[in-house]
Each structure stands twice: as C-alpha cells, then as structure tokens.
C-alpha cells in the first residue's frame, strides 16, 4: 500500500518531491486568485441621478405643497364660519331669460284674441228653437188631455213617499174599474150649468193660446 506522501511518478527523493508539489500547488492557487474572467458578471455602474430620483422627489414635494395649500384654505373657511354666523353665500343673481319669449307671447296673444272673438259670437248667436212656442204647445196639449181624460189629472211630485205594503194592498182592493161591454149604452145625464161654464172657459183658453 502506498504511503501518504507517495506520488504517481516515481522520484529519487520523496522529501524533495513533496516540497516541489506543495510549491506548485501554492502557485496554482495564487494563479486561480489572480485569474480574470472573460465575461463581466459584475454589477453595472450606478449613476448619481438614478440613485437620487430627483424628479420623483420633486413631484412628491409638489403634491405635498398642494395638499398643504388646500388644508390651509379649509382651515381658513372653518375659522371664518366659527367667527361669523356660518351662513353660506348661496344667492344666485342670474336672471333666467328665454330666446323665444317674444314669439311665444305673440302667439299667446293671438290665441286669446281668437278665443274672445269666438266667445262673443257664441253669445250673440240667436237660438234656433223657440221656447215660447213649446210652452204654448204644452198648454194646448194639457188642456186637450184634461178634456179627453176620464179622471182628473194628478201632476207627478218630485218627492217620493214611501208606502207600506199593507196600505198598497188596501188600495189595490179598493180600486174597482168599470166593466167593458160590447154594446155601449147611452145614458142621459141632467144638464149642469157649471159644466157649461167650464167648457166655455176652456174654449176661451184655447182661443187665447192660438192667438199667442
């Protein structure tokens, strides 16, 4: 078995060979330390303006200055509100005006004038129906109805009276209509002067109605 200091190459003196190998090893280590790399893997050079970032600092300072300005304005407003009544000046002196106000006013005047003319015409129009003629005809028909009817006329009243069912049954029992016969019988009645006078009065009424 080879010893610790044995080498692969046979040497005449082992001590000298060991010394020479140690020396060559140290030289090799020194060379490795002094070797320079062909590829530069070191960090790039840092410039001062990139490291400082002056523009970013400037924008931040401007923002802070603007915020401080707004804060001062708000503090001044709050102080003014606390020292005074605290009312806000919200009055608006702007006067609303329309571009076509004159045109619309003229159109409105024309329409109102036409409406007045139409209302005046309607008031002046004479009626087509003669109400006095209707009244005369009604009186004439009323008189004829009195002469023709067997029983006296009863004018309908506006008020409606409620009747009990017992009273209606009694009235139905009491009403007796005359019987109708095929051969009418003529009856002679005594002459009544009062009837003659009433007939004369009705004739005079009819004559007055016709004259009117």
C-alpha atoms as a PDB file:
ATOM      1  CA  UNK A   1       0.000   0.000   0.000  1.00  0.00           C
ATOM      2  CA  UNK A   2       1.337   3.404  -0.975  1.00  0.00           C
ATOM      3  CA  UNK A   3       2.087   5.930   1.776  1.00  0.00           C
ATOM      4  CA  UNK A   4       0.515   9.367   2.236  1.00  0.00           C
ATOM      5  CA  UNK A   5       3.347  11.279   0.560  1.00  0.00           C
ATOM      6  CA  UNK A   6       3.730   8.843  -2.292  1.00  0.00           C
ATOM      7  CA  UNK A   7       3.268  10.172  -5.806  1.00  0.00           C
ATOM      8  CA  UNK A   8       2.256   8.523  -9.002  1.00  0.00           C
ATOM      9  CA  UNK A   9       5.516   9.451 -10.646  1.00  0.00           C
ATOM     10  CA  UNK A  10       8.460   7.702  -9.095  1.00  0.00           C
ATOM     11  CA  UNK A  11      11.013  10.054  -7.573  1.00  0.00           C
ATOM     12  CA  UNK A  12      14.544   9.597  -6.310  1.00  0.00           C
ATOM     13  CA  UNK A  13      13.908  11.677  -3.184  1.00  0.00           C
ATOM     14  CA  UNK A  14      10.450  11.761  -1.693  1.00  0.00           C
ATOM     15  CA  UNK A  15      11.060  14.768   0.546  1.00  0.00           C
ATOM     16  CA  UNK A  16      12.167  16.957  -2.299  1.00  0.00           C
ATOM     17  CA  UNK A  17       9.314  15.732  -4.461  1.00  0.00           C
ATOM     18  CA  UNK A  18       6.816  16.611  -1.723  1.00  0.00           C
ATOM     19  CA  UNK A  19       8.290  20.089  -1.385  1.00  0.00           C
ATOM     20  CA  UNK A  20       8.142  20.670  -5.092  1.00  0.00           C
ATOM     21  CA  UNK A  21       4.489  19.542  -5.303  1.00  0.00           C
ATOM     22  CA  UNK A  22       3.441  21.810  -2.431  1.00  0.00           C
ATOM     23  CA  UNK A  23       5.171  24.706  -4.076  1.00  0.00           C
ATOM     24  CA  UNK A  24       3.445  24.040  -7.398  1.00  0.00           C
ATOM     25  CA  UNK A  25       0.075  23.755  -5.572  1.00  0.00           C
ATOM     26  CA  UNK A  26       0.535  27.116  -3.934  1.00  0.00           C
ATOM     27  CA  UNK A  27       1.483  28.664  -7.236  1.00  0.00           C
ATOM     28  CA  UNK A  28      -1.646  27.195  -8.788  1.00  0.00           C
ATOM     29  CA  UNK A  29      -3.824  28.650  -6.047  1.00  0.00           C
ATOM     30  CA  UNK A  30      -2.212  32.054  -6.483  1.00  0.00           C
ATOM     31  CA  UNK A  31      -2.862  31.912 -10.204  1.00  0.00           C
ATOM     32  CA  UNK A  32      -6.516  30.993  -9.594  1.00  0.00           C
ATOM     33  CA  UNK A  33      -6.902  34.003  -7.348  1.00  0.00           C
ATOM     34  CA  UNK A  34      -5.336  36.303  -9.910  1.00  0.00           C
ATOM     35  CA  UNK A  35      -7.291  34.954 -12.879  1.00  0.00           C
ATOM     36  CA  UNK A  36      -9.664  37.453 -14.597  1.00  0.00           C
ATOM     37  CA  UNK A  37     -12.985  36.262 -16.055  1.00  0.00           C
ATOM     38  CA  UNK A  38     -13.590  36.649 -19.771  1.00  0.00           C
ATOM     39  CA  UNK A  39     -17.300  37.540 -19.124  1.00  0.00           C
ATOM     40  CA  UNK A  40     -18.004  40.612 -16.929  1.00  0.00           C
ATOM     41  CA  UNK A  41     -20.655  39.491 -14.419  1.00  0.00           C
ATOM     42  CA  UNK A  42     -20.225  42.417 -12.015  1.00  0.00           C
ATOM     43  CA  UNK A  43     -22.982  44.962 -11.267  1.00  0.00           C
ATOM     44  CA  UNK A  44     -23.263  47.952 -13.614  1.00  0.00           C
ATOM     45  CA  UNK A  45     -22.097  51.377 -12.633  1.00  0.00           C
ATOM     46  CA  UNK A  46     -24.598  53.325 -10.541  1.00  0.00           C
ATOM     47  CA  UNK A  47     -25.132  56.935 -11.584  1.00  0.00           C
ATOM     48  CA  UNK A  48     -25.959  59.620  -9.076  1.00  0.00           C
ATOM     49  CA  UNK A  49     -29.099  60.992 -10.804  1.00  0.00           C
ATOM     50  CA  UNK A  50     -30.594  57.480 -10.970  1.00  0.00           C
ATOM     51  CA  UNK A  51     -29.851  56.765  -7.348  1.00  0.00           C
ATOM     52  CA  UNK A  52     -31.231  60.123  -6.123  1.00  0.00           C
ATOM     53  CA  UNK A  53     -34.507  60.147  -8.236  1.00  0.00           C
ATOM     54  CA  UNK A  54     -34.796  63.889  -8.221  1.00  0.00           C
ATOM     55  CA  UNK A  55     -37.892  64.055 -10.457  1.00  0.00           C
ATOM     56  CA  UNK A  56     -39.880  61.689  -8.244  1.00  0.00           C
ATOM     57  CA  UNK A  57     -38.917  63.675  -5.181  1.00  0.00           C
ATOM     58  CA  UNK A  58     -39.940  66.893  -6.923  1.00  0.00           C
ATOM     59  CA  UNK A  59     -43.430  65.537  -7.813  1.00  0.00           C
ATOM     60  CA  UNK A  60     -43.927  64.319  -4.246  1.00  0.00           C
ATOM     61  CA  UNK A  61     -42.956  67.725  -2.897  1.00  0.00           C
ATOM     62  CA  UNK A  62     -45.419  69.423  -5.270  1.00  0.00           C
ATOM     63  CA  UNK A  63     -48.227  67.128  -4.143  1.00  0.00           C
ATOM     64  CA  UNK A  64     -47.458  67.787  -0.503  1.00  0.00           C
ATOM     65  CA  UNK A  65     -47.391  71.527  -1.144  1.00  0.00           C
ATOM     66  CA  UNK A  66     -50.782  71.375  -2.893  1.00  0.00           C
ATOM     67  CA  UNK A  67     -52.290  69.357  -0.031  1.00  0.00           C
ATOM     68  CA  UNK A  68     -50.944  71.831   2.500  1.00  0.00           C
ATOM     69  CA  UNK A  69     -52.436  74.686   0.468  1.00  0.00           C
ATOM     70  CA  UNK A  70     -55.904  73.055   0.461  1.00  0.00           C
ATOM     71  CA  UNK A  71     -55.644  72.353   4.154  1.00  0.00           C
ATOM     72  CA  UNK A  72     -54.841  75.988   4.837  1.00  0.00           C
ATOM     73  CA  UNK A  73     -57.854  77.104   2.752  1.00  0.00           C
ATOM     74  CA  UNK A  74     -60.164  74.724   4.619  1.00  0.00           C
ATOM     75  CA  UNK A  75     -58.769  75.872   7.949  1.00  0.00           C
ATOM     76  CA  UNK A  76     -59.407  79.490   6.936  1.00  0.00           C
ATOM     77  CA  UNK A  77     -63.003  78.694   5.955  1.00  0.00           C
ATOM     78  CA  UNK A  78     -63.627  76.856   9.202  1.00  0.00           C
ATOM     79  CA  UNK A  79     -62.194  79.773  11.139  1.00  0.00           C
ATOM     80  CA  UNK A  80     -64.434  82.183   9.211  1.00  0.00           C
ATOM     81  CA  UNK A  81     -67.506  80.021   9.910  1.00  0.00           C
ATOM     82  CA  UNK A  82     -66.683  79.813  13.600  1.00  0.00           C
ATOM     83  CA  UNK A  83     -66.109  83.543  13.897  1.00  0.00           C
ATOM     84  CA  UNK A  84     -69.236  84.515  11.900  1.00  0.00           C
ATOM     85  CA  UNK A  85     -72.819  83.215  11.678  1.00  0.00           C
ATOM     86  CA  UNK A  86     -71.756  80.331   9.473  1.00  0.00           C
ATOM     87  CA  UNK A  87     -74.124  81.022   6.578  1.00  0.00           C
ATOM     88  CA  UNK A  88     -73.033  80.206   3.053  1.00  0.00           C
ATOM     89  CA  UNK A  89     -73.371  82.814   0.349  1.00  0.00           C
ATOM     90  CA  UNK A  90     -75.651  80.785  -1.942  1.00  0.00           C
ATOM     91  CA  UNK A  91     -77.537  83.610  -3.616  1.00  0.00           C
ATOM     92  CA  UNK A  92     -77.731  83.475  -7.369  1.00  0.00           C
ATOM     93  CA  UNK A  93     -78.277  86.777  -9.141  1.00  0.00           C
ATOM     94  CA  UNK A  94     -78.582  85.142 -12.551  1.00  0.00           C
ATOM     95  CA  UNK A  95     -81.795  86.109 -14.319  1.00  0.00           C
ATOM     96  CA  UNK A  96     -83.379  83.434 -16.450  1.00  0.00           C
ATOM     97  CA  UNK A  97     -84.191  84.605 -19.949  1.00  0.00           C
ATOM     98  CA  UNK A  98     -85.606  82.813 -22.961  1.00  0.00           C
ATOM     99  CA  UNK A  99     -84.616  83.301 -26.571  1.00  0.00           C
ATOM    100  CA  UNK A 100     -88.142  82.858 -27.984  1.00  0.00           C
ATOM    101  CA  UNK A 101     -90.148  84.541 -25.218  1.00  0.00           C
ATOM    102  CA  UNK A 102     -91.380  87.304 -27.516  1.00  0.00           C
ATOM    103  CA  UNK A 103     -92.592  84.885 -30.181  1.00  0.00           C
ATOM    104  CA  UNK A 104     -94.449  82.737 -27.670  1.00  0.00           C
ATOM    105  CA  UNK A 105     -96.048  85.809 -26.123  1.00  0.00           C
ATOM    106  CA  UNK A 106     -97.284  86.977 -29.535  1.00  0.00           C
ATOM    107  CA  UNK A 107     -98.749  83.550 -30.294  1.00  0.00           C
ATOM    108  CA  UNK A 108    -100.483  83.544 -26.920  1.00  0.00           C
ATOM    109  CA  UNK A 109    -101.974  86.994 -27.593  1.00  0.00           C
ATOM    110  CA  UNK A 110    -103.298  85.860 -30.990  1.00  0.00           C
ATOM    111  CA  UNK A 111    -104.896  82.733 -29.471  1.00  0.00           C
ATOM    112  CA  UNK A 112    -106.503  84.697 -26.635  1.00  0.00           C
ATOM    113  CA  UNK A 113    -107.872  87.249 -29.119  1.00  0.00           C
ATOM    114  CA  UNK A 114    -109.415  84.489 -31.251  1.00  0.00           C
ATOM    115  CA  UNK A 115    -110.957  82.879 -28.185  1.00  0.00           C
ATOM    116  CA  UNK A 116    -112.572  86.186 -27.204  1.00  0.00           C
ATOM    117  CA  UNK A 117    -113.972  86.599 -30.720  1.00  0.00           C
ATOM    118  CA  UNK A 118    -115.425  83.091 -30.683  1.00  0.00           C
ATOM    119  CA  UNK A 119    -116.995  83.617 -27.245  1.00  0.00           C
ATOM    120  CA  UNK A 120    -118.541  86.906 -28.450  1.00  0.00           C
ATOM    121  CA  UNK A 121    -120.012  85.187 -31.499  1.00  0.00           C
ATOM    122  CA  UNK A 122    -121.460  82.413 -29.362  1.00  0.00           C
ATOM    123  CA  UNK A 123    -123.077  84.951 -27.053  1.00  0.00           C
ATOM    124  CA  UNK A 124    -124.607  86.853 -29.966  1.00  0.00           C
ATOM    125  CA  UNK A 125    -125.991  83.762 -31.738  1.00  0.00           C
ATOM    126  CA  UNK A 126    -129.791  83.551 -31.579  1.00  0.00           C
ATOM    127  CA  UNK A 127    -131.347  80.227 -30.523  1.00  0.00           C
ATOM    128  CA  UNK A 128    -132.842  78.012 -33.224  1.00  0.00           C
ATOM    129  CA  UNK A 129    -135.671  76.713 -31.001  1.00  0.00           C
ATOM    130  CA  UNK A 130    -138.498  78.972 -29.747  1.00  0.00           C
ATOM    131  CA  UNK A 131    -139.196  78.115 -26.111  1.00  0.00           C
ATOM    132  CA  UNK A 132    -142.367  80.234 -26.022  1.00  0.00           C
ATOM    133  CA  UNK A 133    -143.803  78.072 -28.814  1.00  0.00           C
ATOM    134  CA  UNK A 134    -143.004  74.964 -26.783  1.00  0.00           C
ATOM    135  CA  UNK A 135    -144.819  76.423 -23.772  1.00  0.00           C
ATOM    136  CA  UNK A 136    -147.925  77.232 -25.832  1.00  0.00           C
ATOM    137  CA  UNK A 137    -147.950  73.734 -27.314  1.00  0.00           C
ATOM    138  CA  UNK A 138    -147.598  72.231 -23.840  1.00  0.00           C
ATOM    139  CA  UNK A 139    -150.571  74.263 -22.570  1.00  0.00           C
ATOM    140  CA  UNK A 140    -152.655  73.244 -25.584  1.00  0.00           C
ATOM    141  CA  UNK A 141    -151.883  69.534 -25.110  1.00  0.00           C
ATOM    142  CA  UNK A 142    -152.505  69.816 -21.373  1.00  0.00           C
ATOM    143  CA  UNK A 143    -155.970  71.302 -21.984  1.00  0.00           C
ATOM    144  CA  UNK A 144    -156.775  68.620 -24.558  1.00  0.00           C
ATOM    145  CA  UNK A 145    -155.644  65.951 -22.104  1.00  0.00           C
ATOM    146  CA  UNK A 146    -157.980  67.374 -19.441  1.00  0.00           C
ATOM    147  CA  UNK A 147    -160.947  67.267 -21.822  1.00  0.00           C
ATOM    148  CA  UNK A 148    -160.224  63.727 -23.018  1.00  0.00           C
ATOM    149  CA  UNK A 149    -159.335  62.070 -19.682  1.00  0.00           C
ATOM    150  CA  UNK A 150    -161.985  60.352 -17.573  1.00  0.00           C
ATOM    151  CA  UNK A 151    -160.375  61.049 -14.195  1.00  0.00           C
ATOM    152  CA  UNK A 152    -158.759  64.298 -13.057  1.00  0.00           C
ATOM    153  CA  UNK A 153    -155.045  64.668 -13.821  1.00  0.00           C
ATOM    154  CA  UNK A 154    -152.544  64.293 -10.992  1.00  0.00           C
ATOM    155  CA  UNK A 155    -149.243  66.047 -11.583  1.00  0.00           C
ATOM    156  CA  UNK A 156    -146.225  63.962 -10.524  1.00  0.00           C
ATOM    157  CA  UNK A 157    -144.464  65.354  -7.499  1.00  0.00           C
ATOM    158  CA  UNK A 158    -140.700  65.464  -7.113  1.00  0.00           C
ATOM    159  CA  UNK A 159    -140.849  63.985  -3.625  1.00  0.00           C
ATOM    160  CA  UNK A 160    -141.177  60.217  -3.350  1.00  0.00           C
ATOM    161  CA  UNK A 161    -143.261  58.963  -0.435  1.00  0.00           C
ATOM    162  CA  UNK A 162    -142.690  55.539   0.986  1.00  0.00           C
ATOM    163  CA  UNK A 163    -145.797  53.426   1.446  1.00  0.00           C
ATOM    164  CA  UNK A 164    -146.086  50.297   3.489  1.00  0.00           C
ATOM    165  CA  UNK A 165    -147.050  47.045   1.742  1.00  0.00           C
ATOM    166  CA  UNK A 166    -150.263  46.837   3.832  1.00  0.00           C
ATOM    167  CA  UNK A 167    -151.527  50.199   2.508  1.00  0.00           C
ATOM    168  CA  UNK A 168    -150.773  49.219  -1.074  1.00  0.00           C
ATOM    169  CA  UNK A 169    -152.772  46.023  -0.642  1.00  0.00           C
ATOM    170  CA  UNK A 170    -155.730  48.013   0.746  1.00  0.00           C
ATOM    171  CA  UNK A 171    -155.653  50.451  -2.152  1.00  0.00           C
ATOM    172  CA  UNK A 172    -155.481  47.598  -4.646  1.00  0.00           C
ATOM    173  CA  UNK A 173    -158.545  46.075  -3.029  1.00  0.00           C
ATOM    174  CA  UNK A 174    -160.490  49.346  -3.076  1.00  0.00           C
ATOM    175  CA  UNK A 175    -159.860  50.198  -6.750  1.00  0.00           C
ATOM    176  CA  UNK A 176    -162.704  48.900  -8.965  1.00  0.00           C
ATOM    177  CA  UNK A 177    -162.565  49.644 -12.679  1.00  0.00           C
ATOM    178  CA  UNK A 178    -165.814  49.796 -14.697  1.00  0.00           C
ATOM    179  CA  UNK A 179    -166.634  46.766 -16.800  1.00  0.00           C
ATOM    180  CA  UNK A 180    -166.264  46.976 -20.578  1.00  0.00           C
ATOM    181  CA  UNK A 181    -169.266  45.809 -22.634  1.00  0.00           C
ATOM    182  CA  UNK A 182    -169.551  45.130 -26.346  1.00  0.00           C
ATOM    183  CA  UNK A 183    -172.720  47.245 -26.778  1.00  0.00           C
ATOM    184  CA  UNK A 184    -172.213  50.650 -25.185  1.00  0.00           C
ATOM    185  CA  UNK A 185    -175.332  52.062 -23.510  1.00  0.00           C
ATOM    186  CA  UNK A 186    -176.163  55.739 -23.816  1.00  0.00           C
ATOM    187  CA  UNK A 187    -177.163  57.398 -20.593  1.00  0.00           C
ATOM    188  CA  UNK A 188    -178.737  60.770 -20.290  1.00  0.00           C
ATOM    189  CA  UNK A 189    -177.444  62.972 -17.545  1.00  0.00           C
ATOM    190  CA  UNK A 190    -179.058  66.131 -16.188  1.00  0.00           C
ATOM    191  CA  UNK A 191    -177.852  69.375 -17.652  1.00  0.00           C
ATOM    192  CA  UNK A 192    -175.408  71.091 -15.345  1.00  0.00           C
ATOM    193  CA  UNK A 193    -174.844  74.793 -15.843  1.00  0.00           C
ATOM    194  CA  UNK A 194    -171.486  74.581 -14.089  1.00  0.00           C
ATOM    195  CA  UNK A 195    -170.195  72.191 -16.757  1.00  0.00           C
ATOM    196  CA  UNK A 196    -171.288  74.618 -19.491  1.00  0.00           C
ATOM    197  CA  UNK A 197    -169.374  77.443 -17.859  1.00  0.00           C
ATOM    198  CA  UNK A 198    -166.203  75.301 -17.557  1.00  0.00           C
ATOM    199  CA  UNK A 199    -166.458  74.297 -21.220  1.00  0.00           C
ATOM    200  CA  UNK A 200    -166.775  77.961 -22.197  1.00  0.00           C
ATOM    201  CA  UNK A 201    -163.733  78.864 -20.135  1.00  0.00           C
ATOM    202  CA  UNK A 202    -161.694  76.085 -21.784  1.00  0.00           C
ATOM    203  CA  UNK A 203    -162.773  77.270 -25.246  1.00  0.00           C
ATOM    204  CA  UNK A 204    -161.677  80.818 -24.447  1.00  0.00           C
ATOM    205  CA  UNK A 205    -158.323  79.468 -23.183  1.00  0.00           C
ATOM    206  CA  UNK A 206    -157.801  77.597 -26.447  1.00  0.00           C
ATOM    207  CA  UNK A 207    -158.582  80.724 -28.471  1.00  0.00           C
ATOM    208  CA  UNK A 208    -156.055  82.748 -26.442  1.00  0.00           C
ATOM    209  CA  UNK A 209    -153.408  80.095 -26.965  1.00  0.00           C
ATOM    210  CA  UNK A 210    -153.966  80.089 -30.723  1.00  0.00           C
ATOM    211  CA  UNK A 211    -153.712  83.877 -30.864  1.00  0.00           C
ATOM    212  CA  UNK A 212    -150.445  83.849 -28.978  1.00  0.00           C
END
